[in-house]
Amino acid sequence: MEKTVKDHLVYKIRELGQDELKEFKSKLNTFPVKEGYNRIPWGELEKADVLDVVRKLIGYYKEDYAVEVTVKLLTDINKRDLAERLLKETGTALQRESGSSIVSPKQPIHLGNTS
């Protein structure tokens, strides 16, 4: 059976250590989302496990944008390898539209002020 985008998100985020997951959720809470989307409130993320985080990502952002957000956050927490694999394995519109990976070492991803 073919893996879904949700499956790929779960598998990649599960590879994070406990502290990395905490940092991922913290950055997700302050991530500057595109117009038309809302940030996921900290109250919904604070005690969320990996499955809950993925459900929130897809619920708030739909699949393609959830992958884009996850890739940017993984890159920001120095998990570029996971970000690259997620893009490759999902083959999302993000990658198809740009014709290349958004996590190129020559083009670091900046999330702006996350403090």
PDB file of N, CA and C in Angstrom:
ATOM      1  N   MET A   1       0.841  -1.185   0.000  1.00  0.00           N
ATOM      2  CA  MET A   1       0.000   0.000   0.000  1.00  0.00           C
ATOM      3  C   MET A   1       0.887   1.249   0.000  1.00  0.00           C
ATOM      4  N   GLU A   2       0.541   2.199  -0.845  1.00  0.00           N
ATOM      5  CA  GLU A   2       1.319   3.423  -0.970  1.00  0.00           C
ATOM      6  C   GLU A   2       1.132   4.312   0.256  1.00  0.00           C
ATOM      7  N   LYS A   3       2.229   4.921   0.694  1.00  0.00           N
ATOM      8  CA  LYS A   3       2.170   5.811   1.849  1.00  0.00           C
ATOM      9  C   LYS A   3       1.522   7.136   1.459  1.00  0.00           C
ATOM     10  N   THR A   4       0.768   7.678   2.389  1.00  0.00           N
ATOM     11  CA  THR A   4       0.122   8.973   2.189  1.00  0.00           C
ATOM     12  C   THR A   4       1.057  10.094   2.652  1.00  0.00           C
ATOM     13  N   VAL A   5       0.698  11.319   2.328  1.00  0.00           N
ATOM     14  CA  VAL A   5       1.455  12.469   2.820  1.00  0.00           C
ATOM     15  C   VAL A   5       1.470  12.447   4.345  1.00  0.00           C
ATOM     16  N   LYS A   6       0.338  12.124   4.936  1.00  0.00           N
ATOM     17  CA  LYS A   6       0.263  12.046   6.400  1.00  0.00           C
ATOM     18  C   LYS A   6       1.274  11.040   6.931  1.00  0.00           C
ATOM     19  N   ASP A   7       1.362   9.865   6.298  1.00  0.00           N
ATOM     20  CA  ASP A   7       2.332   8.847   6.722  1.00  0.00           C
ATOM     21  C   ASP A   7       3.753   9.402   6.678  1.00  0.00           C
ATOM     22  N   HIS A   8       4.104  10.053   5.580  1.00  0.00           N
ATOM     23  CA  HIS A   8       5.455  10.600   5.430  1.00  0.00           C
ATOM     24  C   HIS A   8       5.743  11.658   6.494  1.00  0.00           C
ATOM     25  N   LEU A   9       4.777  12.517   6.766  1.00  0.00           N
ATOM     26  CA  LEU A   9       4.960  13.526   7.814  1.00  0.00           C
ATOM     27  C   LEU A   9       5.189  12.858   9.168  1.00  0.00           C
ATOM     28  N   VAL A  10       4.386  11.864   9.475  1.00  0.00           N
ATOM     29  CA  VAL A  10       4.527  11.153  10.756  1.00  0.00           C
ATOM     30  C   VAL A  10       5.908  10.519  10.854  1.00  0.00           C
ATOM     31  N   TYR A  11       6.325   9.802   9.816  1.00  0.00           N
ATOM     32  CA  TYR A  11       7.612   9.107   9.864  1.00  0.00           C
ATOM     33  C   TYR A  11       8.779  10.068  10.027  1.00  0.00           C
ATOM     34  N   LYS A  12       8.728  11.198   9.366  1.00  0.00           N
ATOM     35  CA  LYS A  12       9.842  12.154   9.463  1.00  0.00           C
ATOM     36  C   LYS A  12       9.853  12.857  10.819  1.00  0.00           C
ATOM     37  N   ILE A  13       8.710  13.292  11.283  1.00  0.00           N
ATOM     38  CA  ILE A  13       8.670  13.998  12.569  1.00  0.00           C
ATOM     39  C   ILE A  13       8.994  13.037  13.714  1.00  0.00           C
ATOM     40  N   ARG A  14       8.648  11.759  13.563  1.00  0.00           N
ATOM     41  CA  ARG A  14       8.992  10.754  14.581  1.00  0.00           C
ATOM     42  C   ARG A  14      10.493  10.579  14.742  1.00  0.00           C
ATOM     43  N   GLU A  15      11.240  10.934  13.728  1.00  0.00           N
ATOM     44  CA  GLU A  15      12.696  10.787  13.802  1.00  0.00           C
ATOM     45  C   GLU A  15      13.349  11.854  14.680  1.00  0.00           C
ATOM     46  N   LEU A  16      12.599  12.856  15.060  1.00  0.00           N
ATOM     47  CA  LEU A  16      13.125  13.900  15.931  1.00  0.00           C
ATOM     48  C   LEU A  16      13.241  13.382  17.357  1.00  0.00           C
ATOM     49  N   GLY A  17      14.265  13.835  18.046  1.00  0.00           N
ATOM     50  CA  GLY A  17      14.376  13.543  19.465  1.00  0.00           C
ATOM     51  C   GLY A  17      13.360  14.375  20.237  1.00  0.00           C
ATOM     52  N   GLN A  18      13.235  14.104  21.508  1.00  0.00           N
ATOM     53  CA  GLN A  18      12.248  14.807  22.339  1.00  0.00           C
ATOM     54  C   GLN A  18      12.477  16.323  22.338  1.00  0.00           C
ATOM     55  N   ASP A  19      13.729  16.745  22.502  1.00  0.00           N
ATOM     56  CA  ASP A  19      14.033  18.182  22.507  1.00  0.00           C
ATOM     57  C   ASP A  19      13.813  18.803  21.132  1.00  0.00           C
ATOM     58  N   GLU A  20      14.140  18.046  20.076  1.00  0.00           N
ATOM     59  CA  GLU A  20      13.927  18.548  18.715  1.00  0.00           C
ATOM     60  C   GLU A  20      12.440  18.702  18.413  1.00  0.00           C
ATOM     61  N   LEU A  21      11.636  17.761  18.893  1.00  0.00           N
ATOM     62  CA  LEU A  21      10.190  17.862  18.698  1.00  0.00           C
ATOM     63  C   LEU A  21       9.647  19.092  19.421  1.00  0.00           C
ATOM     64  N   LYS A  22      10.149  19.336  20.608  1.00  0.00           N
ATOM     65  CA  LYS A  22       9.725  20.512  21.367  1.00  0.00           C
ATOM     66  C   LYS A  22      10.081  21.796  20.605  1.00  0.00           C
ATOM     67  N   GLU A  23      11.292  21.842  20.048  1.00  0.00           N
ATOM     68  CA  GLU A  23      11.714  23.005  19.268  1.00  0.00           C
ATOM     69  C   GLU A  23      10.875  23.141  17.994  1.00  0.00           C
ATOM     70  N   PHE A  24      10.594  22.017  17.338  1.00  0.00           N
ATOM     71  CA  PHE A  24       9.762  22.011  16.134  1.00  0.00           C
ATOM     72  C   PHE A  24       8.391  22.605  16.449  1.00  0.00           C
ATOM     73  N   LYS A  25       7.776  22.161  17.542  1.00  0.00           N
ATOM     74  CA  LYS A  25       6.446  22.664  17.914  1.00  0.00           C
ATOM     75  C   LYS A  25       6.492  24.146  18.266  1.00  0.00           C
ATOM     76  N   SER A  26       7.538  24.564  18.949  1.00  0.00           N
ATOM     77  CA  SER A  26       7.674  25.972  19.311  1.00  0.00           C
ATOM     78  C   SER A  26       7.783  26.848  18.065  1.00  0.00           C
ATOM     79  N   LYS A  27       8.594  26.413  17.114  1.00  0.00           N
ATOM     80  CA  LYS A  27       8.744  27.170  15.870  1.00  0.00           C
ATOM     81  C   LYS A  27       7.471  27.118  15.029  1.00  0.00           C
ATOM     82  N   LEU A  28       6.777  25.996  15.061  1.00  0.00           N
ATOM     83  CA  LEU A  28       5.511  25.868  14.341  1.00  0.00           C
ATOM     84  C   LEU A  28       4.503  26.883  14.870  1.00  0.00           C
ATOM     85  N   ASN A  29       4.493  27.070  16.173  1.00  0.00           N
ATOM     86  CA  ASN A  29       3.560  28.007  16.801  1.00  0.00           C
ATOM     87  C   ASN A  29       3.794  29.451  16.373  1.00  0.00           C
ATOM     88  N   THR A  30       5.024  29.787  16.029  1.00  0.00           N
ATOM     89  CA  THR A  30       5.347  31.170  15.657  1.00  0.00           C
ATOM     90  C   THR A  30       5.645  31.321  14.165  1.00  0.00           C
ATOM     91  N   PHE A  31       5.449  30.261  13.406  1.00  0.00           N
ATOM     92  CA  PHE A  31       5.760  30.270  11.974  1.00  0.00           C
ATOM     93  C   PHE A  31       4.907  31.306  11.236  1.00  0.00           C
ATOM     94  N   PRO A  32       5.538  32.147  10.405  1.00  0.00           N
ATOM     95  CA  PRO A  32       4.784  33.163   9.652  1.00  0.00           C
ATOM     96  C   PRO A  32       4.050  32.527   8.467  1.00  0.00           C
ATOM     97  N   VAL A  33       2.821  32.146   8.680  1.00  0.00           N
ATOM     98  CA  VAL A  33       2.052  31.423   7.664  1.00  0.00           C
ATOM     99  C   VAL A  33       1.620  32.335   6.522  1.00  0.00           C
ATOM    100  N   LYS A  34       1.340  31.710   5.396  1.00  0.00           N
ATOM    101  CA  LYS A  34       0.854  32.439   4.222  1.00  0.00           C
ATOM    102  C   LYS A  34      -0.514  33.051   4.507  1.00  0.00           C
ATOM    103  N   GLU A  35      -0.832  34.070   3.728  1.00  0.00           N
ATOM    104  CA  GLU A  35      -2.138  34.708   3.844  1.00  0.00           C
ATOM    105  C   GLU A  35      -3.238  33.669   3.618  1.00  0.00           C
ATOM    106  N   GLY A  36      -4.266  33.751   4.441  1.00  0.00           N
ATOM    107  CA  GLY A  36      -5.378  32.812   4.331  1.00  0.00           C
ATOM    108  C   GLY A  36      -5.272  31.634   5.283  1.00  0.00           C
ATOM    109  N   TYR A  37      -4.136  31.530   5.968  1.00  0.00           N
ATOM    110  CA  TYR A  37      -3.930  30.459   6.943  1.00  0.00           C
ATOM    111  C   TYR A  37      -3.767  31.069   8.329  1.00  0.00           C
ATOM    112  N   ASN A  38      -4.021  30.266   9.344  1.00  0.00           N
ATOM    113  CA  ASN A  38      -3.838  30.695  10.730  1.00  0.00           C
ATOM    114  C   ASN A  38      -2.750  29.866  11.381  1.00  0.00           C
ATOM    115  N   ARG A  39      -2.065  30.473  12.323  1.00  0.00           N
ATOM    116  CA  ARG A  39      -1.087  29.723  13.116  1.00  0.00           C
ATOM    117  C   ARG A  39      -1.824  28.729  14.004  1.00  0.00           C
ATOM    118  N   ILE A  40      -1.132  27.646  14.306  1.00  0.00           N
ATOM    119  CA  ILE A  40      -1.691  26.660  15.226  1.00  0.00           C
ATOM    120  C   ILE A  40      -1.418  27.173  16.642  1.00  0.00           C
ATOM    121  N   PRO A  41      -2.443  27.343  17.462  1.00  0.00           N
ATOM    122  CA  PRO A  41      -2.247  27.871  18.819  1.00  0.00           C
ATOM    123  C   PRO A  41      -1.360  26.962  19.673  1.00  0.00           C
ATOM    124  N   TRP A  42      -0.552  27.582  20.528  1.00  0.00           N
ATOM    125  CA  TRP A  42       0.351  26.832  21.395  1.00  0.00           C
ATOM    126  C   TRP A  42      -0.416  25.843  22.267  1.00  0.00           C
ATOM    127  N   GLY A  43      -1.584  26.212  22.714  1.00  0.00           N
ATOM    128  CA  GLY A  43      -2.390  25.316  23.545  1.00  0.00           C
ATOM    129  C   GLY A  43      -2.718  24.000  22.855  1.00  0.00           C
ATOM    130  N   GLU A  44      -2.753  24.008  21.520  1.00  0.00           N
ATOM    131  CA  GLU A  44      -3.016  22.783  20.766  1.00  0.00           C
ATOM    132  C   GLU A  44      -1.740  22.002  20.465  1.00  0.00           C
ATOM    133  N   LEU A  45      -0.592  22.638  20.651  1.00  0.00           N
ATOM    134  CA  LEU A  45       0.683  21.992  20.333  1.00  0.00           C
ATOM    135  C   LEU A  45       1.469  21.547  21.560  1.00  0.00           C
ATOM    136  N   GLU A  46       1.311  22.261  22.649  1.00  0.00           N
ATOM    137  CA  GLU A  46       2.173  22.075  23.814  1.00  0.00           C
ATOM    138  C   GLU A  46       2.308  20.619  24.242  1.00  0.00           C
ATOM    139  N   LYS A  47       1.208  19.918  24.398  1.00  0.00           N
ATOM    140  CA  LYS A  47       1.254  18.527  24.866  1.00  0.00           C
ATOM    141  C   LYS A  47       0.990  17.529  23.746  1.00  0.00           C
ATOM    142  N   ALA A  48       0.996  18.007  22.512  1.00  0.00           N
ATOM    143  CA  ALA A  48       0.690  17.149  21.366  1.00  0.00           C
ATOM    144  C   ALA A  48       1.831  16.173  21.094  1.00  0.00           C
ATOM    145  N   ASP A  49       1.454  14.924  20.787  1.00  0.00           N
ATOM    146  CA  ASP A  49       2.450  13.959  20.341  1.00  0.00           C
ATOM    147  C   ASP A  49       2.598  14.096  18.825  1.00  0.00           C
ATOM    148  N   VAL A  50       3.427  13.252  18.224  1.00  0.00           N
ATOM    149  CA  VAL A  50       3.697  13.359  16.788  1.00  0.00           C
ATOM    150  C   VAL A  50       2.420  13.254  15.963  1.00  0.00           C
ATOM    151  N   LEU A  51       1.570  12.279  16.274  1.00  0.00           N
ATOM    152  CA  LEU A  51       0.329  12.116  15.510  1.00  0.00           C
ATOM    153  C   LEU A  51      -0.563  13.343  15.624  1.00  0.00           C
ATOM    154  N   ASP A  52      -0.651  13.897  16.824  1.00  0.00           N
ATOM    155  CA  ASP A  52      -1.456  15.109  17.019  1.00  0.00           C
ATOM    156  C   ASP A  52      -0.896  16.284  16.214  1.00  0.00           C
ATOM    157  N   VAL A  53       0.428  16.432  16.215  1.00  0.00           N
ATOM    158  CA  VAL A  53       1.059  17.523  15.467  1.00  0.00           C
ATOM    159  C   VAL A  53       0.749  17.384  13.980  1.00  0.00           C
ATOM    160  N   VAL A  54       0.869  16.172  13.450  1.00  0.00           N
ATOM    161  CA  VAL A  54       0.594  15.953  12.026  1.00  0.00           C
ATOM    162  C   VAL A  54      -0.872  16.214  11.716  1.00  0.00           C
ATOM    163  N   ARG A  55      -1.767  15.776  12.589  1.00  0.00           N
ATOM    164  CA  ARG A  55      -3.199  16.056  12.378  1.00  0.00           C
ATOM    165  C   ARG A  55      -3.452  17.561  12.335  1.00  0.00           C
ATOM    166  N   LYS A  56      -2.798  18.291  13.225  1.00  0.00           N
ATOM    167  CA  LYS A  56      -2.951  19.753  13.249  1.00  0.00           C
ATOM    168  C   LYS A  56      -2.389  20.372  11.973  1.00  0.00           C
ATOM    169  N   LEU A  57      -1.203  19.929  11.556  1.00  0.00           N
ATOM    170  CA  LEU A  57      -0.597  20.453  10.331  1.00  0.00           C
ATOM    171  C   LEU A  57      -1.536  20.287   9.141  1.00  0.00           C
ATOM    172  N   ILE A  58      -2.062  19.091   8.971  1.00  0.00           N
ATOM    173  CA  ILE A  58      -2.942  18.824   7.833  1.00  0.00           C
ATOM    174  C   ILE A  58      -4.289  19.523   8.008  1.00  0.00           C
ATOM    175  N   GLY A  59      -4.787  19.559   9.233  1.00  0.00           N
ATOM    176  CA  GLY A  59      -6.061  20.217   9.486  1.00  0.00           C
ATOM    177  C   GLY A  59      -6.022  21.717   9.244  1.00  0.00           C
ATOM    178  N   TYR A  60      -4.929  22.347   9.632  1.00  0.00           N
ATOM    179  CA  TYR A  60      -4.802  23.796   9.469  1.00  0.00           C
ATOM    180  C   TYR A  60      -4.316  24.190   8.076  1.00  0.00           C
ATOM    181  N   TYR A  61      -3.465  23.352   7.466  1.00  0.00           N
ATOM    182  CA  TYR A  61      -2.760  23.769   6.251  1.00  0.00           C
ATOM    183  C   TYR A  61      -2.985  22.892   5.020  1.00  0.00           C
ATOM    184  N   LYS A  62      -3.720  21.816   5.127  1.00  0.00           N
ATOM    185  CA  LYS A  62      -3.880  20.856   4.024  1.00  0.00           C
ATOM    186  C   LYS A  62      -2.520  20.219   3.714  1.00  0.00           C
ATOM    187  N   GLU A  63      -2.510  19.219   2.853  1.00  0.00           N
ATOM    188  CA  GLU A  63      -1.306  18.405   2.687  1.00  0.00           C
ATOM    189  C   GLU A  63      -0.097  19.141   2.106  1.00  0.00           C
ATOM    190  N   ASP A  64      -0.240  19.778   0.952  1.00  0.00           N
ATOM    191  CA  ASP A  64       0.932  20.391   0.315  1.00  0.00           C
ATOM    192  C   ASP A  64       1.556  21.486   1.172  1.00  0.00           C
ATOM    193  N   TYR A  65       0.724  22.352   1.746  1.00  0.00           N
ATOM    194  CA  TYR A  65       1.285  23.419   2.579  1.00  0.00           C
ATOM    195  C   TYR A  65       1.830  22.852   3.891  1.00  0.00           C
ATOM    196  N   ALA A  66       1.231  21.792   4.405  1.00  0.00           N
ATOM    197  CA  ALA A  66       1.758  21.135   5.611  1.00  0.00           C
ATOM    198  C   ALA A  66       3.168  20.617   5.348  1.00  0.00           C
ATOM    199  N   VAL A  67       3.387  20.056   4.167  1.00  0.00           N
ATOM    200  CA  VAL A  67       4.728  19.583   3.805  1.00  0.00           C
ATOM    201  C   VAL A  67       5.681  20.771   3.696  1.00  0.00           C
ATOM    202  N   GLU A  68       5.249  21.839   3.050  1.00  0.00           N
ATOM    203  CA  GLU A  68       6.099  23.029   2.908  1.00  0.00           C
ATOM    204  C   GLU A  68       6.506  23.579   4.272  1.00  0.00           C
ATOM    205  N   VAL A  69       5.555  23.719   5.168  1.00  0.00           N
ATOM    206  CA  VAL A  69       5.835  24.226   6.514  1.00  0.00           C
ATOM    207  C   VAL A  69       6.793  23.282   7.234  1.00  0.00           C
ATOM    208  N   THR A  70       6.528  21.990   7.160  1.00  0.00           N
ATOM    209  CA  THR A  70       7.371  21.002   7.838  1.00  0.00           C
ATOM    210  C   THR A  70       8.792  21.042   7.301  1.00  0.00           C
ATOM    211  N   VAL A  71       8.942  21.135   5.986  1.00  0.00           N
ATOM    212  CA  VAL A  71      10.275  21.207   5.372  1.00  0.00           C
ATOM    213  C   VAL A  71      11.028  22.433   5.881  1.00  0.00           C
ATOM    214  N   LYS A  72      10.373  23.563   5.926  1.00  0.00           N
ATOM    215  CA  LYS A  72      11.029  24.785   6.391  1.00  0.00           C
ATOM    216  C   LYS A  72      11.419  24.679   7.865  1.00  0.00           C
ATOM    217  N   LEU A  73      10.541  24.101   8.672  1.00  0.00           N
ATOM    218  CA  LEU A  73      10.843  23.963  10.096  1.00  0.00           C
ATOM    219  C   LEU A  73      11.956  22.950  10.334  1.00  0.00           C
ATOM    220  N   LEU A  74      11.924  21.827   9.629  1.00  0.00           N
ATOM    221  CA  LEU A  74      12.997  20.834   9.765  1.00  0.00           C
ATOM    222  C   LEU A  74      14.339  21.446   9.377  1.00  0.00           C
ATOM    223  N   THR A  75      14.344  22.227   8.328  1.00  0.00           N
ATOM    224  CA  THR A  75      15.573  22.895   7.898  1.00  0.00           C
ATOM    225  C   THR A  75      16.050  23.867   8.968  1.00  0.00           C
ATOM    226  N   ASP A  76      15.125  24.584   9.559  1.00  0.00           N
ATOM    227  CA  ASP A  76      15.471  25.573  10.579  1.00  0.00           C
ATOM    228  C   ASP A  76      16.060  24.944  11.836  1.00  0.00           C
ATOM    229  N   ILE A  77      15.665  23.713  12.143  1.00  0.00           N
ATOM    230  CA  ILE A  77      16.210  23.048  13.339  1.00  0.00           C
ATOM    231  C   ILE A  77      17.357  22.104  12.961  1.00  0.00           C
ATOM    232  N   ASN A  78      17.973  22.383  11.820  1.00  0.00           N
ATOM    233  CA  ASN A  78      19.145  21.636  11.352  1.00  0.00           C
ATOM    234  C   ASN A  78      18.868  20.169  11.060  1.00  0.00           C
ATOM    235  N   LYS A  79      17.696  19.901  10.520  1.00  0.00           N
ATOM    236  CA  LYS A  79      17.331  18.546  10.094  1.00  0.00           C
ATOM    237  C   LYS A  79      17.089  18.551   8.583  1.00  0.00           C
ATOM    238  N   ARG A  80      18.043  19.121   7.873  1.00  0.00           N
ATOM    239  CA  ARG A  80      17.959  19.262   6.421  1.00  0.00           C
ATOM    240  C   ARG A  80      17.802  17.905   5.735  1.00  0.00           C
ATOM    241  N   ASP A  81      18.456  16.874   6.273  1.00  0.00           N
ATOM    242  CA  ASP A  81      18.345  15.533   5.679  1.00  0.00           C
ATOM    243  C   ASP A  81      16.899  15.044   5.702  1.00  0.00           C
ATOM    244  N   LEU A  82      16.216  15.246   6.819  1.00  0.00           N
ATOM    245  CA  LEU A  82      14.804  14.853   6.911  1.00  0.00           C
ATOM    246  C   LEU A  82      13.951  15.687   5.963  1.00  0.00           C
ATOM    247  N   ALA A  83      14.259  16.966   5.871  1.00  0.00           N
ATOM    248  CA  ALA A  83      13.504  17.854   4.977  1.00  0.00           C
ATOM    249  C   ALA A  83      13.650  17.401   3.524  1.00  0.00           C
ATOM    250  N   GLU A  84      14.873  17.093   3.120  1.00  0.00           N
ATOM    251  CA  GLU A  84      15.121  16.634   1.744  1.00  0.00           C
ATOM    252  C   GLU A  84      14.378  15.334   1.463  1.00  0.00           C
ATOM    253  N   ARG A  85      14.440  14.396   2.398  1.00  0.00           N
ATOM    254  CA  ARG A  85      13.760  13.110   2.209  1.00  0.00           C
ATOM    255  C   ARG A  85      12.253  13.293   2.143  1.00  0.00           C
ATOM    256  N   LEU A  86      11.718  14.179   2.971  1.00  0.00           N
ATOM    257  CA  LEU A  86      10.277  14.430   2.951  1.00  0.00           C
ATOM    258  C   LEU A  86       9.853  14.974   1.587  1.00  0.00           C
ATOM    259  N   LEU A  87      10.590  15.928   1.073  1.00  0.00           N
ATOM    260  CA  LEU A  87      10.278  16.473  -0.256  1.00  0.00           C
ATOM    261  C   LEU A  87      10.353  15.392  -1.329  1.00  0.00           C
ATOM    262  N   LYS A  88      11.416  14.619  -1.282  1.00  0.00           N
ATOM    263  CA  LYS A  88      11.615  13.574  -2.293  1.00  0.00           C
ATOM    264  C   LYS A  88      10.499  12.537  -2.236  1.00  0.00           C
ATOM    265  N   GLU A  89      10.150  12.111  -1.037  1.00  0.00           N
ATOM    266  CA  GLU A  89       9.178  11.030  -0.874  1.00  0.00           C
ATOM    267  C   GLU A  89       7.736  11.465  -1.103  1.00  0.00           C
ATOM    268  N   THR A  90       7.446  12.735  -0.885  1.00  0.00           N
ATOM    269  CA  THR A  90       6.068  13.191  -1.084  1.00  0.00           C
ATOM    270  C   THR A  90       5.846  13.702  -2.494  1.00  0.00           C
ATOM    271  N   GLY A  91       6.907  14.174  -3.152  1.00  0.00           N
ATOM    272  CA  GLY A  91       6.754  14.722  -4.494  1.00  0.00           C
ATOM    273  C   GLY A  91       5.688  15.796  -4.539  1.00  0.00           C
ATOM    274  N   THR A  92       5.697  16.673  -3.558  1.00  0.00           N
ATOM    275  CA  THR A  92       4.644  17.679  -3.413  1.00  0.00           C
ATOM    276  C   THR A  92       4.674  18.711  -4.521  1.00  0.00           C
ATOM    277  N   ALA A  93       3.602  19.442  -4.633  1.00  0.00           N
ATOM    278  CA  ALA A  93       3.486  20.514  -5.620  1.00  0.00           C
ATOM    279  C   ALA A  93       4.602  21.532  -5.431  1.00  0.00           C
ATOM    280  N   LEU A  94       5.028  21.729  -4.210  1.00  0.00           N
ATOM    281  CA  LEU A  94       6.094  22.674  -3.904  1.00  0.00           C
ATOM    282  C   LEU A  94       7.338  22.332  -4.711  1.00  0.00           C
ATOM    283  N   GLN A  95       7.710  21.079  -4.718  1.00  0.00           N
ATOM    284  CA  GLN A  95       8.895  20.647  -5.437  1.00  0.00           C
ATOM    285  C   GLN A  95       8.640  20.657  -6.945  1.00  0.00           C
ATOM    286  N   ARG A  96       7.479  20.219  -7.368  1.00  0.00           N
ATOM    287  CA  ARG A  96       7.150  20.166  -8.794  1.00  0.00           C
ATOM    288  C   ARG A  96       7.140  21.562  -9.406  1.00  0.00           C
ATOM    289  N   GLU A  97       6.583  22.534  -8.688  1.00  0.00           N
ATOM    290  CA  GLU A  97       6.472  23.890  -9.220  1.00  0.00           C
ATOM    291  C   GLU A  97       7.827  24.562  -9.355  1.00  0.00           C
ATOM    292  N   SER A  98       8.694  24.358  -8.390  1.00  0.00           N
ATOM    293  CA  SER A  98       9.984  25.034  -8.416  1.00  0.00           C
ATOM    294  C   SER A  98      10.985  24.314  -9.300  1.00  0.00           C
ATOM    295  N   GLY A  99      10.747  23.025  -9.551  1.00  0.00           N
ATOM    296  CA  GLY A  99      11.670  22.250 -10.358  1.00  0.00           C
ATOM    297  C   GLY A  99      12.918  21.852  -9.604  1.00  0.00           C
ATOM    298  N   SER A 100      13.019  22.263  -8.355  1.00  0.00           N
ATOM    299  CA  SER A 100      14.166  21.892  -7.538  1.00  0.00           C
ATOM    300  C   SER A 100      13.763  21.931  -6.078  1.00  0.00           C
ATOM    301  N   SER A 101      14.651  21.446  -5.275  1.00  0.00           N
ATOM    302  CA  SER A 101      14.386  21.395  -3.846  1.00  0.00           C
ATOM    303  C   SER A 101      14.436  22.789  -3.235  1.00  0.00           C
ATOM    304  N   ILE A 102      13.561  23.047  -2.276  1.00  0.00           N
ATOM    305  CA  ILE A 102      13.589  24.343  -1.592  1.00  0.00           C
ATOM    306  C   ILE A 102      14.610  24.356  -0.471  1.00  0.00           C
ATOM    307  N   VAL A 103      15.279  23.244  -0.234  1.00  0.00           N
ATOM    308  CA  VAL A 103      16.248  23.198   0.853  1.00  0.00           C
ATOM    309  C   VAL A 103      17.667  23.107   0.309  1.00  0.00           C
ATOM    310  N   SER A 104      17.905  23.734  -0.816  1.00  0.00           N
ATOM    311  CA  SER A 104      19.233  23.787  -1.402  1.00  0.00           C
ATOM    312  C   SER A 104      20.197  24.436  -0.421  1.00  0.00           C
ATOM    313  N   PRO A 105      21.387  23.858  -0.252  1.00  0.00           N
ATOM    314  CA  PRO A 105      22.353  24.448   0.681  1.00  0.00           C
ATOM    315  C   PRO A 105      22.728  25.882   0.308  1.00  0.00           C
ATOM    316  N   LYS A 106      22.609  26.238  -0.970  1.00  0.00           N
ATOM    317  CA  LYS A 106      22.962  27.585  -1.398  1.00  0.00           C
ATOM    318  C   LYS A 106      21.855  28.587  -1.120  1.00  0.00           C
ATOM    319  N   GLN A 107      20.667  28.094  -0.791  1.00  0.00           N
ATOM    320  CA  GLN A 107      19.542  28.979  -0.509  1.00  0.00           C
ATOM    321  C   GLN A 107      18.924  28.593   0.827  1.00  0.00           C
ATOM    322  N   PRO A 108      19.553  29.016   1.937  1.00  0.00           N
ATOM    323  CA  PRO A 108      18.995  28.661   3.240  1.00  0.00           C
ATOM    324  C   PRO A 108      17.609  29.257   3.419  1.00  0.00           C
ATOM    325  N   ILE A 109      16.814  28.574   4.186  1.00  0.00           N
ATOM    326  CA  ILE A 109      15.449  29.020   4.440  1.00  0.00           C
ATOM    327  C   ILE A 109      15.437  29.819   5.731  1.00  0.00           C
ATOM    328  N   HIS A 110      14.938  31.025   5.659  1.00  0.00           N
ATOM    329  CA  HIS A 110      14.850  31.877   6.844  1.00  0.00           C
ATOM    330  C   HIS A 110      13.392  32.014   7.238  1.00  0.00           C
ATOM    331  N   LEU A 111      13.125  31.796   8.501  1.00  0.00           N
ATOM    332  CA  LEU A 111      11.756  31.866   8.981  1.00  0.00           C
ATOM    333  C   LEU A 111      11.414  33.230   9.546  1.00  0.00           C
ATOM    334  N   GLY A 112      12.340  34.141   9.508  1.00  0.00           N
ATOM    335  CA  GLY A 112      12.060  35.455  10.065  1.00  0.00           C
ATOM    336  C   GLY A 112      12.239  35.444  11.567  1.00  0.00           C
ATOM    337  N   ASN A 113      11.708  36.424  12.218  1.00  0.00           N
ATOM    338  CA  ASN A 113      11.826  36.551  13.660  1.00  0.00           C
ATOM    339  C   ASN A 113      10.891  35.569  14.332  1.00  0.00           C
ATOM    340  N   THR A 114      11.456  34.594  15.052  1.00  0.00           N
ATOM    341  CA  THR A 114      10.643  33.586  15.734  1.00  0.00           C
ATOM    342  C   THR A 114      10.718  33.732  17.239  1.00  0.00           C
ATOM    343  N   SER A 115      11.175  34.873  17.704  1.00  0.00           N
ATOM    344  CA  SER A 115      11.276  35.050  19.154  1.00  0.00           C
ATOM    345  C   SER A 115       9.984  35.532  19.742  1.00  0.00           C
TER     346      SER A 115
END
